[in-house]
Amino acid sequence: MTDRTVAVLAGGLSHERDVSLRSGRRLSSALRDVGLHVEEWDVDATLIDRLTHRRPDAVVVALHGGAGENGAVQSVLEMLRVPYVGADPRACRRAWDKPTAKDELARAGVSTPDWIVLPHATFRDLGPQDVLDALVDRLGLPLIFKPPQGGSALGVHVVRDASELPAAIVGCLAYGDSVLAERFVEGVEVAVAVLEGSDGEPQALPAVEIEAASGFYDYAARYTAGLATFHAPARLDAAATAAVAELAVNAHRLLGLRDVSRTDAVVSPDRVAHFLEVNVEPGLTETSLLPMAIESTGADLGTVYATLIERAVARAW
């Protein structure tokens, strides 16, 4: 394994570039610590040339948002037959689009908060106030607005009063051309990472419980030390612990994911686990949740990803 050359792809041009660079740096350091030769590659117009002429043994995609999670980079890697860690392009696309993921899981019987997706044009063509009134009549308050694609809570707003609706819509549309309006579920917010073992079977890691100082786990709380408190494992009873683990494994399987994923969920007061979204390239920064879950088991990030790299090489064409 120490002879492997691994390219860690990070950066890119999405709104989450800075977070991606931080994830890439941390992962690269962890892989070097376990003896791998690692090259950190920003993703730009030179990528295909580098993959062709400086072909690594495997690639780990540490891109967040855009091409790193919507299957585009994975499609390029498959065209060039370069082994990589993570979900294939089709599964990436299903997970990347939050309404698609919610719909697939809801049809399979997984609990997920009720939602409506509205394009920007709907507000323009039908009148924003009438649309918002109908939306509140249908879903009630509080609501959470989020872009249908993307992560890091960019463009996400919790609305508890109708007067907050216009600003929330504008803020959400700054990151996309549609709005996903979802019924806000009060409860314990958790993130559950799933790793596949040597037998390919997905296993849930201990859930990480999130307590944001502001009451909402926004971008600042995710990436600024001290703005959130984390509990790994989460402070859940046995029934809720089992429920969130089952939910995360089901999401991984139903969406056809591979190697690693992270499901975000909320446990309501009646101890029902509700699916929010799933991430195919979980964050790996100093405040990210996947590394916390790994460390809570006594393992370390470098060893876990080195094992995933070996699996990627073994299944290569």
Foldseek 3Di string as FASTA:
>chain_A
DLAFEEEEEAAEDAPCRVLLVQLSVVLQVLQVVVRHHYDYDYDDPCVLVCCVPVNGQEYEYSYFFDCSQQQNVLVSCVVVLHFYFKFHNQLSNCQQQQVSLVVLVVVVVAAAFDKDKFFLVCCVVVPVVVVLVVVCVVQNDFKWKAARGGDLQQLIDTRHDSVCPVVSVVRRCVNHGMIIIGRDADAWKWKWKWFADPVFQIFIFAIKTKAAQVRDCHNCNQPPPPRIDIDVRDPDDPLLRVQVRVSVSCSCVSSVMGGMKMWIWGQHPVSRTHTRGMGGNFGRHPRTDVQVRQVSVVHGSNVSVVVSSVVSSVPGD
